[in-house]
Amino acid sequence: MINKTTYAIAGHIGSGKTTLARKLAKEKQALFFSTDQWIASLGVPIRSHEVYAKYYTVIRDRIFEVAQQALHLEVPVVFDFGVNSPKGRAGLQKFAPAADADLEIYHASVPIEVCREGVRERNKNKSQDIFSFTCLDDDFDFISKDYEPPTSNEGATVIEVKND
């Protein structure tokens, strides 16, 4: 069965996006891409949102190049990176059709205060299984301020995943 699908995850920081993305990659036999992991592999200290944004854009564009090749080989891809606003999803809305692929966005629907508490806990107990950076309350607020759940009007199939 041919599966030329791009899967992406939307949700607040701490909503389980990476866990869901890895689970999807395994279930769909898809190639998994995480901008955070690629940035971490550079060994560059990320001390501001501006520095992160600079590296994020460059790495996301490289990931899109590799993912497009995978989709042309009929290998589905899972993206674990910022699709938390219409602006963040706009790149996917261009990417998927250019790769002749379907686009499915999974929305990890978790109350924001549950996410905040989860991030605080994650800061204390770093996991070796999932890359995570330290996210203080100010960082959480900065990252969360532009969050908008995906809608079906954005050119993708939206699948709700509730994790209370």
N, C-alpha and C. Protein backbone atom coordinates (compact mmCIF):
# COMPACT_ATOMS: atom_id res chain seq x y z
N MET A 1 0.83 -1.18 0.00
CA MET A 1 0.00 0.00 0.00
C MET A 1 0.88 1.25 0.00
N ILE A 2 0.63 2.15 -0.92
CA ILE A 2 1.39 3.38 -1.03
C ILE A 2 0.90 4.36 0.03
N ASN A 3 1.85 4.98 0.73
CA ASN A 3 1.51 5.96 1.75
C ASN A 3 2.40 7.17 1.58
N LYS A 4 1.94 8.11 0.78
CA LYS A 4 2.68 9.36 0.61
C LYS A 4 2.00 10.41 1.49
N THR A 5 2.22 10.28 2.78
CA THR A 5 1.56 11.18 3.72
C THR A 5 2.58 11.89 4.58
N THR A 6 2.32 13.15 4.81
CA THR A 6 3.07 13.96 5.75
C THR A 6 2.24 14.07 7.01
N TYR A 7 2.81 13.65 8.13
CA TYR A 7 2.14 13.74 9.42
C TYR A 7 2.84 14.82 10.24
N ALA A 8 2.06 15.65 10.90
CA ALA A 8 2.62 16.68 11.77
C ALA A 8 1.80 16.74 13.05
N ILE A 9 2.40 17.29 14.09
CA ILE A 9 1.76 17.32 15.40
C ILE A 9 1.66 18.77 15.86
N ALA A 10 0.46 19.18 16.25
CA ALA A 10 0.24 20.49 16.85
C ALA A 10 -0.15 20.29 18.30
N GLY A 11 0.28 21.21 19.14
CA GLY A 11 -0.08 21.14 20.55
C GLY A 11 0.85 22.02 21.35
N HIS A 12 0.40 22.38 22.53
CA HIS A 12 1.25 23.19 23.42
C HIS A 12 2.53 22.44 23.74
N ILE A 13 3.56 23.19 24.10
CA ILE A 13 4.77 22.57 24.61
C ILE A 13 4.37 21.76 25.84
N GLY A 14 4.85 20.54 25.93
CA GLY A 14 4.51 19.67 27.05
C GLY A 14 3.23 18.87 26.85
N SER A 15 2.67 18.91 25.64
CA SER A 15 1.41 18.19 25.39
C SER A 15 1.63 16.76 24.91
N GLY A 16 2.88 16.35 24.78
CA GLY A 16 3.17 14.99 24.33
C GLY A 16 3.37 14.88 22.83
N LYS A 17 3.73 15.99 22.18
CA LYS A 17 3.90 15.97 20.73
C LYS A 17 4.98 15.00 20.27
N THR A 18 6.14 15.04 20.93
CA THR A 18 7.24 14.17 20.51
C THR A 18 6.88 12.70 20.73
N THR A 19 6.27 12.39 21.85
CA THR A 19 5.85 11.01 22.12
C THR A 19 4.86 10.56 21.05
N LEU A 20 3.90 11.41 20.73
CA LEU A 20 2.91 11.08 19.70
C LEU A 20 3.58 10.94 18.33
N ALA A 21 4.51 11.84 18.02
CA ALA A 21 5.20 11.77 16.72
C ALA A 21 5.99 10.47 16.58
N ARG A 22 6.67 10.07 17.62
CA ARG A 22 7.43 8.81 17.56
C ARG A 22 6.50 7.61 17.43
N LYS A 23 5.39 7.65 18.13
CA LYS A 23 4.40 6.57 18.03
C LYS A 23 3.86 6.48 16.61
N LEU A 24 3.52 7.62 16.02
CA LEU A 24 3.03 7.65 14.64
C LEU A 24 4.08 7.12 13.67
N ALA A 25 5.33 7.55 13.86
CA ALA A 25 6.40 7.09 12.97
C ALA A 25 6.51 5.58 12.99
N LYS A 26 6.39 5.01 14.17
CA LYS A 26 6.46 3.55 14.29
C LYS A 26 5.24 2.89 13.64
N GLU A 27 4.05 3.39 13.94
CA GLU A 27 2.82 2.80 13.40
C GLU A 27 2.75 2.91 11.88
N LYS A 28 3.16 4.05 11.35
CA LYS A 28 3.03 4.31 9.91
C LYS A 28 4.28 3.92 9.14
N GLN A 29 5.28 3.40 9.83
CA GLN A 29 6.58 3.07 9.23
C GLN A 29 7.10 4.28 8.44
N ALA A 30 7.14 5.39 9.16
CA ALA A 30 7.49 6.67 8.57
C ALA A 30 8.84 7.15 9.09
N LEU A 31 9.45 8.02 8.32
CA LEU A 31 10.69 8.66 8.71
C LEU A 31 10.36 9.80 9.68
N PHE A 32 11.04 9.83 10.83
CA PHE A 32 10.78 10.79 11.90
C PHE A 32 11.78 11.94 11.83
N PHE A 33 11.27 13.17 11.87
CA PHE A 33 12.13 14.35 11.84
C PHE A 33 11.81 15.26 13.02
N SER A 34 12.84 15.65 13.77
CA SER A 34 12.68 16.57 14.89
C SER A 34 13.70 17.69 14.77
N THR A 35 13.21 18.92 14.61
CA THR A 35 14.14 20.06 14.53
C THR A 35 14.93 20.20 15.83
N ASP A 36 14.29 19.96 16.97
CA ASP A 36 15.00 20.08 18.25
C ASP A 36 16.20 19.14 18.31
N GLN A 37 16.03 17.91 17.85
CA GLN A 37 17.15 16.96 17.86
C GLN A 37 18.26 17.42 16.93
N TRP A 38 17.89 17.91 15.76
CA TRP A 38 18.91 18.37 14.82
C TRP A 38 19.66 19.57 15.39
N ILE A 39 18.94 20.50 16.00
CA ILE A 39 19.59 21.67 16.61
C ILE A 39 20.51 21.23 17.73
N ALA A 40 20.04 20.33 18.58
CA ALA A 40 20.86 19.84 19.70
C ALA A 40 22.14 19.18 19.19
N SER A 41 22.06 18.50 18.05
CA SER A 41 23.24 17.80 17.52
C SER A 41 24.33 18.76 17.06
N LEU A 42 23.98 20.02 16.85
CA LEU A 42 24.98 21.01 16.44
C LEU A 42 25.90 21.41 17.60
N GLY A 43 25.44 21.19 18.83
CA GLY A 43 26.24 21.55 19.99
C GLY A 43 26.34 23.05 20.22
N VAL A 44 25.43 23.80 19.63
CA VAL A 44 25.43 25.26 19.77
C VAL A 44 24.56 25.64 20.95
N PRO A 45 25.08 26.45 21.88
CA PRO A 45 24.23 26.86 23.00
C PRO A 45 23.10 27.78 22.51
N ILE A 46 21.89 27.43 22.84
CA ILE A 46 20.73 28.22 22.45
C ILE A 46 20.32 29.04 23.67
N ARG A 47 20.65 30.32 23.64
CA ARG A 47 20.41 31.16 24.82
C ARG A 47 19.32 32.20 24.60
N SER A 48 18.71 32.19 23.42
CA SER A 48 17.64 33.15 23.17
C SER A 48 16.69 32.57 22.13
N HIS A 49 15.49 33.13 22.10
CA HIS A 49 14.51 32.69 21.11
C HIS A 49 14.97 33.07 19.70
N GLU A 50 15.70 34.17 19.57
CA GLU A 50 16.18 34.61 18.27
C GLU A 50 17.20 33.63 17.70
N VAL A 51 18.11 33.16 18.56
CA VAL A 51 19.12 32.19 18.11
C VAL A 51 18.42 30.89 17.71
N TYR A 52 17.48 30.43 18.52
CA TYR A 52 16.74 29.21 18.19
C TYR A 52 16.04 29.37 16.84
N ALA A 53 15.37 30.51 16.64
CA ALA A 53 14.61 30.74 15.40
C ALA A 53 15.53 30.69 14.18
N LYS A 54 16.73 31.24 14.32
CA LYS A 54 17.69 31.24 13.21
C LYS A 54 18.04 29.80 12.81
N TYR A 55 18.40 28.99 13.77
CA TYR A 55 18.76 27.60 13.48
C TYR A 55 17.54 26.79 13.04
N TYR A 56 16.42 27.04 13.67
CA TYR A 56 15.18 26.31 13.35
C TYR A 56 14.85 26.43 11.87
N THR A 57 14.88 27.65 11.34
CA THR A 57 14.51 27.88 9.95
C THR A 57 15.45 27.14 9.00
N VAL A 58 16.73 27.24 9.23
CA VAL A 58 17.71 26.57 8.36
C VAL A 58 17.51 25.05 8.41
N ILE A 59 17.37 24.51 9.61
CA ILE A 59 17.23 23.06 9.77
C ILE A 59 15.90 22.58 9.21
N ARG A 60 14.82 23.31 9.46
CA ARG A 60 13.52 22.90 8.92
C ARG A 60 13.59 22.81 7.39
N ASP A 61 14.24 23.77 6.76
CA ASP A 61 14.35 23.75 5.31
C ASP A 61 15.16 22.54 4.82
N ARG A 62 16.23 22.16 5.55
CA ARG A 62 16.99 20.96 5.18
C ARG A 62 16.14 19.71 5.38
N ILE A 63 15.38 19.68 6.47
CA ILE A 63 14.49 18.54 6.72
C ILE A 63 13.47 18.42 5.59
N PHE A 64 12.91 19.54 5.16
CA PHE A 64 11.94 19.49 4.06
C PHE A 64 12.57 18.88 2.80
N GLU A 65 13.84 19.21 2.52
CA GLU A 65 14.51 18.65 1.35
C GLU A 65 14.61 17.12 1.45
N VAL A 66 15.05 16.63 2.60
CA VAL A 66 15.20 15.18 2.79
C VAL A 66 13.82 14.51 2.79
N ALA A 67 12.86 15.12 3.45
CA ALA A 67 11.51 14.55 3.52
C ALA A 67 10.87 14.47 2.15
N GLN A 68 11.11 15.45 1.32
CA GLN A 68 10.54 15.43 -0.03
C GLN A 68 11.10 14.24 -0.81
N GLN A 69 12.38 13.96 -0.65
CA GLN A 69 12.97 12.79 -1.31
C GLN A 69 12.33 11.51 -0.79
N ALA A 70 12.13 11.43 0.52
CA ALA A 70 11.50 10.24 1.11
C ALA A 70 10.10 10.04 0.55
N LEU A 71 9.33 11.11 0.46
CA LEU A 71 7.96 10.99 -0.06
C LEU A 71 7.95 10.57 -1.52
N HIS A 72 8.91 11.05 -2.30
CA HIS A 72 9.00 10.62 -3.70
C HIS A 72 9.30 9.12 -3.79
N LEU A 73 9.94 8.58 -2.75
CA LEU A 73 10.21 7.14 -2.68
C LEU A 73 9.06 6.40 -1.98
N GLU A 74 7.97 7.13 -1.73
CA GLU A 74 6.76 6.59 -1.10
C GLU A 74 7.00 6.16 0.34
N VAL A 75 7.87 6.88 1.02
CA VAL A 75 8.11 6.69 2.45
C VAL A 75 7.44 7.86 3.17
N PRO A 76 6.46 7.60 4.02
CA PRO A 76 5.79 8.69 4.74
C PRO A 76 6.75 9.35 5.72
N VAL A 77 6.41 10.58 6.11
CA VAL A 77 7.26 11.33 7.04
C VAL A 77 6.42 11.88 8.19
N VAL A 78 7.06 11.97 9.35
CA VAL A 78 6.44 12.57 10.54
C VAL A 78 7.31 13.74 10.96
N PHE A 79 6.70 14.90 11.08
CA PHE A 79 7.40 16.10 11.51
C PHE A 79 7.06 16.40 12.96
N ASP A 80 8.11 16.54 13.77
CA ASP A 80 7.96 16.93 15.17
C ASP A 80 8.57 18.32 15.32
N PHE A 81 7.84 19.30 14.82
CA PHE A 81 8.27 20.69 14.97
C PHE A 81 7.12 21.65 14.78
N GLY A 82 7.41 22.93 15.06
CA GLY A 82 6.43 24.00 15.21
C GLY A 82 5.34 24.16 14.17
N VAL A 83 4.24 23.52 14.43
CA VAL A 83 3.04 23.74 13.60
C VAL A 83 1.90 24.19 14.52
N ASN A 84 2.23 25.11 15.41
CA ASN A 84 1.29 25.52 16.45
C ASN A 84 0.51 26.79 16.16
N SER A 85 0.64 27.28 14.95
CA SER A 85 -0.13 28.46 14.53
C SER A 85 -0.37 28.33 13.03
N PRO A 86 -1.35 29.06 12.51
CA PRO A 86 -1.55 29.03 11.06
C PRO A 86 -0.27 29.39 10.30
N LYS A 87 0.49 30.36 10.82
CA LYS A 87 1.75 30.73 10.17
C LYS A 87 2.72 29.56 10.18
N GLY A 88 2.81 28.86 11.30
CA GLY A 88 3.70 27.71 11.40
C GLY A 88 3.28 26.56 10.50
N ARG A 89 1.98 26.46 10.24
CA ARG A 89 1.47 25.38 9.38
C ARG A 89 1.51 25.75 7.90
N ALA A 90 1.71 27.02 7.59
CA ALA A 90 1.70 27.47 6.19
C ALA A 90 2.77 26.76 5.37
N GLY A 91 3.95 26.54 5.96
CA GLY A 91 5.01 25.84 5.24
C GLY A 91 4.61 24.43 4.87
N LEU A 92 3.89 23.76 5.77
CA LEU A 92 3.42 22.40 5.48
C LEU A 92 2.38 22.40 4.37
N GLN A 93 1.56 23.44 4.35
CA GLN A 93 0.51 23.52 3.34
C GLN A 93 1.11 23.70 1.94
N LYS A 94 2.31 24.22 1.88
CA LYS A 94 3.02 24.32 0.60
C LYS A 94 3.82 23.05 0.34
N PHE A 95 4.44 22.53 1.40
CA PHE A 95 5.32 21.37 1.27
C PHE A 95 4.58 20.14 0.78
N ALA A 96 3.48 19.78 1.41
CA ALA A 96 2.79 18.51 1.10
C ALA A 96 2.36 18.44 -0.36
N PRO A 97 1.66 19.44 -0.90
CA PRO A 97 1.27 19.35 -2.31
C PRO A 97 2.47 19.32 -3.26
N ALA A 98 3.53 20.05 -2.91
CA ALA A 98 4.73 20.05 -3.76
C ALA A 98 5.36 18.66 -3.81
N ALA A 99 5.19 17.89 -2.73
CA ALA A 99 5.71 16.52 -2.68
C ALA A 99 4.65 15.51 -3.11
N ASP A 100 3.52 16.01 -3.61
CA ASP A 100 2.40 15.15 -4.02
C ASP A 100 1.98 14.22 -2.88
N ALA A 101 1.88 14.82 -1.68
CA ALA A 101 1.57 14.03 -0.49
C ALA A 101 0.33 14.58 0.21
N ASP A 102 -0.35 13.70 0.92
CA ASP A 102 -1.44 14.12 1.79
C ASP A 102 -0.84 14.73 3.05
N LEU A 103 -1.63 15.56 3.73
CA LEU A 103 -1.18 16.18 4.97
C LEU A 103 -2.18 15.88 6.07
N GLU A 104 -1.68 15.26 7.14
CA GLU A 104 -2.50 15.01 8.33
C GLU A 104 -1.84 15.70 9.52
N ILE A 105 -2.63 16.49 10.22
CA ILE A 105 -2.13 17.17 11.42
C ILE A 105 -2.85 16.58 12.62
N TYR A 106 -2.07 16.01 13.50
CA TYR A 106 -2.60 15.48 14.75
C TYR A 106 -2.53 16.59 15.79
N HIS A 107 -3.65 16.84 16.44
CA HIS A 107 -3.70 17.90 17.45
C HIS A 107 -3.69 17.26 18.83
N ALA A 108 -2.57 17.42 19.53
CA ALA A 108 -2.44 16.91 20.90
C ALA A 108 -3.15 17.90 21.82
N SER A 109 -4.40 17.59 22.11
CA SER A 109 -5.27 18.50 22.84
C SER A 109 -5.15 18.25 24.34
N VAL A 110 -4.40 19.11 25.00
CA VAL A 110 -4.15 18.99 26.43
C VAL A 110 -4.33 20.38 27.04
N PRO A 111 -5.03 20.49 28.17
CA PRO A 111 -5.19 21.81 28.80
C PRO A 111 -3.83 22.45 29.08
N ILE A 112 -3.75 23.76 28.86
CA ILE A 112 -2.47 24.46 28.97
C ILE A 112 -1.83 24.34 30.35
N GLU A 113 -2.61 24.34 31.41
CA GLU A 113 -2.02 24.24 32.75
C GLU A 113 -1.46 22.84 33.01
N VAL A 114 -2.06 21.83 32.41
CA VAL A 114 -1.51 20.47 32.50
C VAL A 114 -0.15 20.44 31.79
N CYS A 115 -0.09 21.10 30.63
CA CYS A 115 1.18 21.18 29.89
C CYS A 115 2.24 21.91 30.70
N ARG A 116 1.87 23.04 31.30
CA ARG A 116 2.83 23.82 32.08
C ARG A 116 3.42 22.98 33.22
N GLU A 117 2.56 22.27 33.93
CA GLU A 117 3.03 21.41 35.03
C GLU A 117 3.92 20.29 34.50
N GLY A 118 3.54 19.73 33.35
CA GLY A 118 4.36 18.68 32.75
C GLY A 118 5.74 19.18 32.36
N VAL A 119 5.81 20.40 31.85
CA VAL A 119 7.09 20.99 31.47
C VAL A 119 7.95 21.24 32.71
N ARG A 120 7.33 21.72 33.77
CA ARG A 120 8.08 21.92 35.02
C ARG A 120 8.67 20.60 35.51
N GLU A 121 7.87 19.55 35.44
CA GLU A 121 8.34 18.22 35.86
C GLU A 121 9.45 17.73 34.94
N ARG A 122 9.29 17.95 33.64
CA ARG A 122 10.30 17.53 32.67
C ARG A 122 11.61 18.27 32.91
N ASN A 123 11.54 19.54 33.30
CA ASN A 123 12.75 20.30 33.61
C ASN A 123 13.52 19.66 34.76
N LYS A 124 12.80 19.11 35.72
CA LYS A 124 13.44 18.48 36.89
C LYS A 124 14.00 17.10 36.56
N ASN A 125 13.29 16.35 35.74
CA ASN A 125 13.63 14.95 35.46
C ASN A 125 13.82 14.75 33.97
N LYS A 126 14.97 15.10 33.46
CA LYS A 126 15.25 14.96 32.03
C LYS A 126 15.23 13.50 31.62
N SER A 127 14.60 13.22 30.49
CA SER A 127 14.52 11.87 29.95
C SER A 127 15.58 11.70 28.87
N GLN A 128 16.19 10.55 28.83
CA GLN A 128 17.14 10.24 27.76
C GLN A 128 16.41 9.85 26.48
N ASP A 129 15.13 9.50 26.61
CA ASP A 129 14.36 9.03 25.47
C ASP A 129 13.89 10.16 24.56
N ILE A 130 13.66 11.32 25.15
CA ILE A 130 13.13 12.44 24.37
C ILE A 130 14.00 13.65 24.63
N PHE A 131 14.49 14.26 23.55
CA PHE A 131 15.27 15.48 23.70
C PHE A 131 14.34 16.58 24.20
N SER A 132 14.77 17.29 25.20
CA SER A 132 14.01 18.46 25.65
C SER A 132 14.98 19.49 26.20
N PHE A 133 14.68 20.73 25.94
CA PHE A 133 15.48 21.81 26.48
C PHE A 133 14.80 22.30 27.75
N THR A 134 15.54 23.00 28.59
CA THR A 134 14.94 23.57 29.79
C THR A 134 14.02 24.70 29.37
N CYS A 135 12.79 24.64 29.85
CA CYS A 135 11.78 25.62 29.48
C CYS A 135 11.21 26.23 30.76
N LEU A 136 11.62 27.46 31.04
CA LEU A 136 11.13 28.17 32.22
C LEU A 136 9.74 28.74 31.94
N ASP A 137 9.07 29.22 32.98
CA ASP A 137 7.71 29.75 32.80
C ASP A 137 7.66 30.87 31.76
N ASP A 138 8.66 31.76 31.75
CA ASP A 138 8.68 32.83 30.75
C ASP A 138 8.82 32.27 29.34
N ASP A 139 9.64 31.24 29.19
CA ASP A 139 9.79 30.58 27.89
C ASP A 139 8.47 29.94 27.47
N PHE A 140 7.83 29.25 28.42
CA PHE A 140 6.55 28.59 28.15
C PHE A 140 5.54 29.63 27.66
N ASP A 141 5.46 30.76 28.34
CA ASP A 141 4.52 31.82 27.95
C ASP A 141 4.86 32.36 26.57
N PHE A 142 6.15 32.57 26.29
CA PHE A 142 6.57 33.10 24.99
C PHE A 142 6.20 32.12 23.87
N ILE A 143 6.49 30.85 24.08
CA ILE A 143 6.21 29.83 23.07
C ILE A 143 4.71 29.64 22.88
N SER A 144 3.95 29.76 23.95
CA SER A 144 2.51 29.48 23.91
C SER A 144 1.66 30.65 23.41
N LYS A 145 2.21 31.85 23.38
CA LYS A 145 1.38 33.02 23.10
C LYS A 145 0.74 33.01 21.72
N ASP A 146 1.36 32.40 20.74
CA ASP A 146 0.82 32.39 19.39
C ASP A 146 0.08 31.09 19.04
N TYR A 147 -0.09 30.23 20.03
CA TYR A 147 -0.70 28.92 19.78
C TYR A 147 -2.16 29.07 19.31
N GLU A 148 -2.47 28.39 18.22
CA GLU A 148 -3.85 28.27 17.73
C GLU A 148 -4.03 26.84 17.24
N PRO A 149 -5.05 26.14 17.75
CA PRO A 149 -5.28 24.77 17.29
C PRO A 149 -5.54 24.74 15.78
N PRO A 150 -5.17 23.67 15.12
CA PRO A 150 -5.42 23.56 13.68
C PRO A 150 -6.91 23.40 13.40
N THR A 151 -7.31 23.82 12.21
CA THR A 151 -8.70 23.64 11.77
C THR A 151 -8.70 22.94 10.42
N SER A 152 -9.83 22.37 10.08
CA SER A 152 -9.94 21.67 8.79
C SER A 152 -9.94 22.64 7.61
N ASN A 153 -10.00 23.94 7.87
CA ASN A 153 -9.96 24.94 6.80
C ASN A 153 -8.54 25.23 6.33
N GLU A 154 -7.57 24.52 6.87
CA GLU A 154 -6.17 24.81 6.56
C GLU A 154 -5.57 23.85 5.54
N GLY A 155 -6.39 23.11 4.84
CA GLY A 155 -5.89 22.24 3.79
C GLY A 155 -5.28 20.94 4.27
N ALA A 156 -5.69 20.49 5.44
CA ALA A 156 -5.16 19.25 6.00
C ALA A 156 -6.28 18.50 6.70
N THR A 157 -6.08 17.20 6.84
CA THR A 157 -6.96 16.42 7.70
C THR A 157 -6.47 16.63 9.13
N VAL A 158 -7.38 17.03 10.02
CA VAL A 158 -7.02 17.28 11.42
C VAL A 158 -7.59 16.16 12.28
N ILE A 159 -6.73 15.56 13.08
CA ILE A 159 -7.13 14.45 13.96
C ILE A 159 -6.87 14.87 15.40
N GLU A 160 -7.92 14.90 16.20
CA GLU A 160 -7.81 15.28 17.62
C GLU A 160 -7.33 14.10 18.45
N VAL A 161 -6.34 14.35 19.29
CA VAL A 161 -5.86 13.34 20.24
C VAL A 161 -5.92 14.00 21.61
N LYS A 162 -6.82 13.52 22.45
CA LYS A 162 -7.01 14.12 23.78
C LYS A 162 -6.16 13.40 24.80
N ASN A 163 -5.41 14.18 25.57
CA ASN A 163 -4.59 13.67 26.67
C ASN A 163 -4.80 14.60 27.85
N ASP A 164 -5.72 14.25 28.72
CA ASP A 164 -5.95 15.11 29.89
C ASP A 164 -5.00 14.69 30.96
